[in-house]
Amino acid sequence: MFTTVKRHRWLVSTLRFVPVIAIAAAAMIAMAPTEARAQAFNVNEFACASSGGAAVDIDITGLGHTDLCVVSTVSQDVDCACAGKGGNCTSDAKKQSTTQTSTTAQVAQSKNGAVRTTVSPTVPTPSCTGLDCPSGQTATLIQFSSLGDFRVCTVGPSGACSPTSCTAGGALATAPGCGPATTIVNPGKKDSCVDLF
């Protein structure tokens, strides 16, 4: 009997502190910085741009003050040919097709906790190297076709946004195979150059 009463008193005295502990924990969570709380990022859209080309449409919410890092890998199929002074090509002109790849990263800043935009990476114009042309002709860029693979991550506390800081394994979402977008630079007279390919 004495043992039961003693245990009952101990239980009652201990349970008295439960509401106090619960209120203190709730207050600590409420006062914690937003970044310290678990965030739920909502990827509403991360897909190849509806306008076409090597671009991606983004609609991600629930970001708070967190920015996004968008990494793009653009592969360009490049067609070059030997063209005369007028920029025209003969039917037997030397030509070459190569693939050039570039990877870039850019920050997409959040506004009111969201990023809604289209990202079109800035890719250098491809070059024609390794094509030996006869006298009076020069290696000329005829056309190129671009295809993009995209991934998106949150920008880390250090503000780093690079292909190495945003890896495929840590990405919020990916959008492969966006495009292709073909750009004709020098078709030649009556399409004499572009018809070589």
Protein backbone atom coordinates (compact mmCIF):
# COMPACT_ATOMS: atom_id res chain seq x y z
CA MET A 1 0.00 0.00 0.00
CA PHE A 2 2.77 2.41 0.98
CA THR A 3 4.72 1.61 -2.26
CA THR A 4 1.65 2.23 -4.45
CA VAL A 5 0.98 5.64 -2.88
CA LYS A 6 4.65 6.61 -3.23
CA ARG A 7 4.68 5.70 -6.93
CA HIS A 8 1.43 7.58 -7.48
CA ARG A 9 2.86 10.74 -5.89
CA TRP A 10 6.02 10.50 -8.01
CA LEU A 11 3.94 10.06 -11.22
CA VAL A 12 1.70 13.03 -10.39
CA SER A 13 4.67 15.29 -9.60
CA THR A 14 6.43 14.26 -12.85
CA LEU A 15 3.37 14.71 -15.08
CA ARG A 16 2.96 18.25 -13.82
CA PHE A 17 5.99 19.27 -15.89
CA VAL A 18 4.78 17.81 -19.22
CA PRO A 19 2.69 20.88 -20.24
CA VAL A 20 5.59 23.18 -19.34
CA ILE A 21 8.03 21.17 -21.46
CA ALA A 22 5.58 21.05 -24.40
CA ILE A 23 5.01 24.83 -24.30
CA ALA A 24 8.76 25.51 -24.11
CA ALA A 25 9.45 23.22 -27.09
CA ALA A 26 6.71 24.88 -29.16
CA ALA A 27 8.12 28.33 -28.35
CA MET A 28 11.63 27.26 -29.40
CA ILE A 29 10.35 25.93 -32.74
CA ALA A 30 8.34 29.10 -33.39
CA MET A 31 11.34 31.33 -32.71
CA ALA A 32 13.78 29.26 -34.83
CA PRO A 33 14.91 30.88 -38.09
CA THR A 34 13.00 29.85 -41.20
CA GLU A 35 16.09 28.22 -42.71
CA ALA A 36 16.48 26.02 -39.63
CA ARG A 37 13.04 24.50 -40.02
CA ALA A 38 12.40 21.67 -42.42
CA GLN A 39 11.29 23.08 -45.76
CA ALA A 40 8.98 21.48 -48.25
CA PHE A 41 9.98 22.50 -51.75
CA ASN A 42 7.17 22.06 -54.26
CA VAL A 43 8.38 21.27 -57.78
CA ASN A 44 5.25 22.19 -59.74
CA GLU A 45 7.13 22.21 -63.05
CA PHE A 46 10.66 21.58 -64.22
CA ALA A 47 10.32 20.58 -67.86
CA CYS A 48 11.55 21.39 -71.35
CA ALA A 49 10.33 24.85 -72.33
CA SER A 50 6.95 24.99 -74.02
CA SER A 51 8.46 27.54 -76.43
CA GLY A 52 10.91 24.85 -77.61
CA GLY A 53 14.67 24.90 -77.92
CA ALA A 54 17.36 24.09 -75.38
CA ALA A 55 15.54 25.76 -72.47
CA VAL A 56 13.62 24.76 -69.34
CA ASP A 57 10.43 26.07 -67.68
CA ILE A 58 10.61 26.34 -63.88
CA ASP A 59 7.81 26.64 -61.32
CA ILE A 60 9.07 25.78 -57.83
CA THR A 61 7.45 27.12 -54.65
CA GLY A 62 7.97 26.78 -50.89
CA LEU A 63 11.53 28.14 -51.15
CA GLY A 64 11.41 30.81 -48.46
CA HIS A 65 14.58 32.85 -48.99
CA THR A 66 16.38 30.01 -50.80
CA ASP A 67 17.56 30.52 -54.39
CA LEU A 68 17.93 27.82 -57.04
CA CYS A 69 20.95 26.66 -59.00
CA VAL A 70 20.15 25.56 -62.57
CA VAL A 71 22.80 23.49 -64.33
CA SER A 72 22.57 23.02 -68.09
CA THR A 73 24.61 20.74 -70.31
CA VAL A 74 24.14 21.70 -73.95
CA SER A 75 25.34 19.46 -76.76
CA GLN A 76 25.70 21.09 -80.16
CA ASP A 77 25.88 19.17 -83.42
CA VAL A 78 27.99 21.50 -85.56
CA ASP A 79 28.17 21.45 -89.37
CA CYS A 80 31.06 23.26 -91.10
CA ALA A 81 32.08 23.45 -94.74
CA CYS A 82 34.68 25.10 -96.96
CA ALA A 83 33.06 28.17 -98.48
CA GLY A 84 34.27 30.61 -101.12
CA LYS A 85 34.61 34.37 -100.71
CA GLY A 86 30.91 34.93 -101.35
CA GLY A 87 30.01 32.43 -98.64
CA ASN A 88 28.86 29.84 -101.19
CA CYS A 89 29.76 26.15 -101.27
CA THR A 90 30.44 23.90 -104.22
CA SER A 91 28.77 20.48 -104.36
CA ASP A 92 32.11 18.78 -103.68
CA ALA A 93 33.16 21.15 -100.89
CA LYS A 94 34.97 19.67 -97.91
CA LYS A 95 32.75 19.45 -94.84
CA GLN A 96 32.72 18.13 -91.31
CA SER A 97 30.22 17.48 -88.53
CA THR A 98 31.30 17.52 -84.89
CA THR A 99 29.67 17.61 -81.45
CA GLN A 100 30.64 20.29 -78.96
CA THR A 101 29.43 20.26 -75.35
CA SER A 102 29.35 22.98 -72.71
CA THR A 103 28.11 22.92 -69.11
CA THR A 104 27.06 26.07 -67.26
CA ALA A 105 25.35 26.93 -63.98
CA GLN A 106 23.28 29.97 -63.08
CA VAL A 107 21.34 31.18 -60.06
CA ALA A 108 17.58 31.68 -60.31
CA GLN A 109 16.57 34.02 -57.49
CA SER A 110 13.40 33.34 -55.53
CA LYS A 111 10.74 36.01 -55.13
CA ASN A 112 8.08 35.59 -52.46
CA GLY A 113 9.32 32.05 -51.88
CA ALA A 114 8.99 30.95 -55.52
CA VAL A 115 10.88 30.74 -58.80
CA ARG A 116 8.75 30.91 -61.94
CA THR A 117 10.83 31.48 -65.05
CA THR A 118 12.30 30.03 -68.23
CA VAL A 119 16.04 29.44 -68.33
CA SER A 120 17.85 29.54 -71.68
CA PRO A 121 21.56 29.02 -71.07
CA THR A 122 24.08 31.28 -72.77
CA VAL A 123 26.20 29.00 -74.90
CA PRO A 124 29.19 30.18 -76.93
CA THR A 125 28.76 30.08 -80.70
CA PRO A 126 30.45 26.91 -81.92
CA SER A 127 33.63 27.09 -83.95
CA CYS A 128 35.01 25.26 -86.97
CA THR A 129 38.39 23.76 -86.16
CA GLY A 130 40.27 20.98 -87.87
CA LEU A 131 38.76 21.51 -91.33
CA ASP A 132 41.48 22.11 -93.94
CA CYS A 133 40.17 24.05 -96.92
CA PRO A 134 41.79 24.60 -100.31
CA SER A 135 43.15 27.98 -101.36
CA GLY A 136 40.45 30.65 -101.72
CA GLN A 137 38.05 28.89 -99.32
CA THR A 138 37.66 29.15 -95.56
CA ALA A 139 36.19 26.87 -92.91
CA THR A 140 32.71 28.30 -92.33
CA LEU A 141 30.06 27.53 -89.74
CA ILE A 142 26.95 26.48 -91.68
CA GLN A 143 24.51 25.41 -88.96
CA PHE A 144 24.28 23.91 -85.49
CA SER A 145 21.63 22.11 -83.49
CA SER A 146 21.44 22.39 -79.69
CA LEU A 147 20.04 19.86 -77.21
CA GLY A 148 19.97 20.58 -73.47
CA ASP A 149 19.91 18.51 -70.29
CA PHE A 150 18.94 20.41 -67.14
CA ARG A 151 18.97 19.84 -63.38
CA VAL A 152 18.06 22.09 -60.44
CA CYS A 153 19.25 22.24 -56.83
CA THR A 154 18.92 24.70 -53.99
CA VAL A 155 21.79 27.12 -53.53
CA GLY A 156 23.76 26.10 -50.44
CA PRO A 157 24.57 28.31 -47.45
CA SER A 158 27.86 29.37 -49.06
CA GLY A 159 26.00 30.59 -52.15
CA ALA A 160 27.81 28.11 -54.38
CA CYS A 161 26.18 27.35 -57.73
CA SER A 162 28.27 25.19 -60.05
CA PRO A 163 28.07 21.85 -61.87
CA THR A 164 30.00 20.28 -58.98
CA SER A 165 27.83 21.78 -56.22
CA CYS A 166 24.61 20.72 -57.98
CA THR A 167 25.04 17.06 -58.86
CA ALA A 168 22.48 14.79 -60.48
CA GLY A 169 22.20 12.81 -57.24
CA GLY A 170 21.33 15.90 -55.20
CA ALA A 171 18.99 17.52 -57.73
CA LEU A 172 15.40 18.46 -56.88
CA ALA A 173 14.43 17.65 -60.48
CA THR A 174 15.90 16.98 -63.93
CA ALA A 175 14.75 17.71 -67.48
CA PRO A 176 16.74 15.77 -70.10
CA GLY A 177 16.65 16.11 -73.87
CA CYS A 178 15.27 19.64 -74.29
CA GLY A 179 15.28 20.72 -77.91
CA PRO A 180 16.65 20.37 -80.45
CA ALA A 181 16.91 23.93 -81.72
CA THR A 182 18.59 24.38 -85.09
CA THR A 183 20.32 27.63 -86.04
CA ILE A 184 21.34 28.18 -89.67
CA VAL A 185 24.27 30.60 -89.79
CA ASN A 186 25.34 30.49 -93.45
CA PRO A 187 22.97 28.70 -95.82
CA GLY A 188 24.94 29.80 -98.91
CA LYS A 189 23.49 31.01 -102.17
CA LYS A 190 20.43 28.91 -103.05
CA ASP A 191 21.18 26.85 -99.89
CA SER A 192 24.40 25.62 -101.51
CA CYS A 193 26.07 25.14 -98.09
CA VAL A 194 23.18 23.87 -95.98
CA ASP A 195 22.27 21.30 -98.64
CA LEU A 196 25.63 19.60 -98.08
CA PHE A 197 24.28 18.14 -94.82
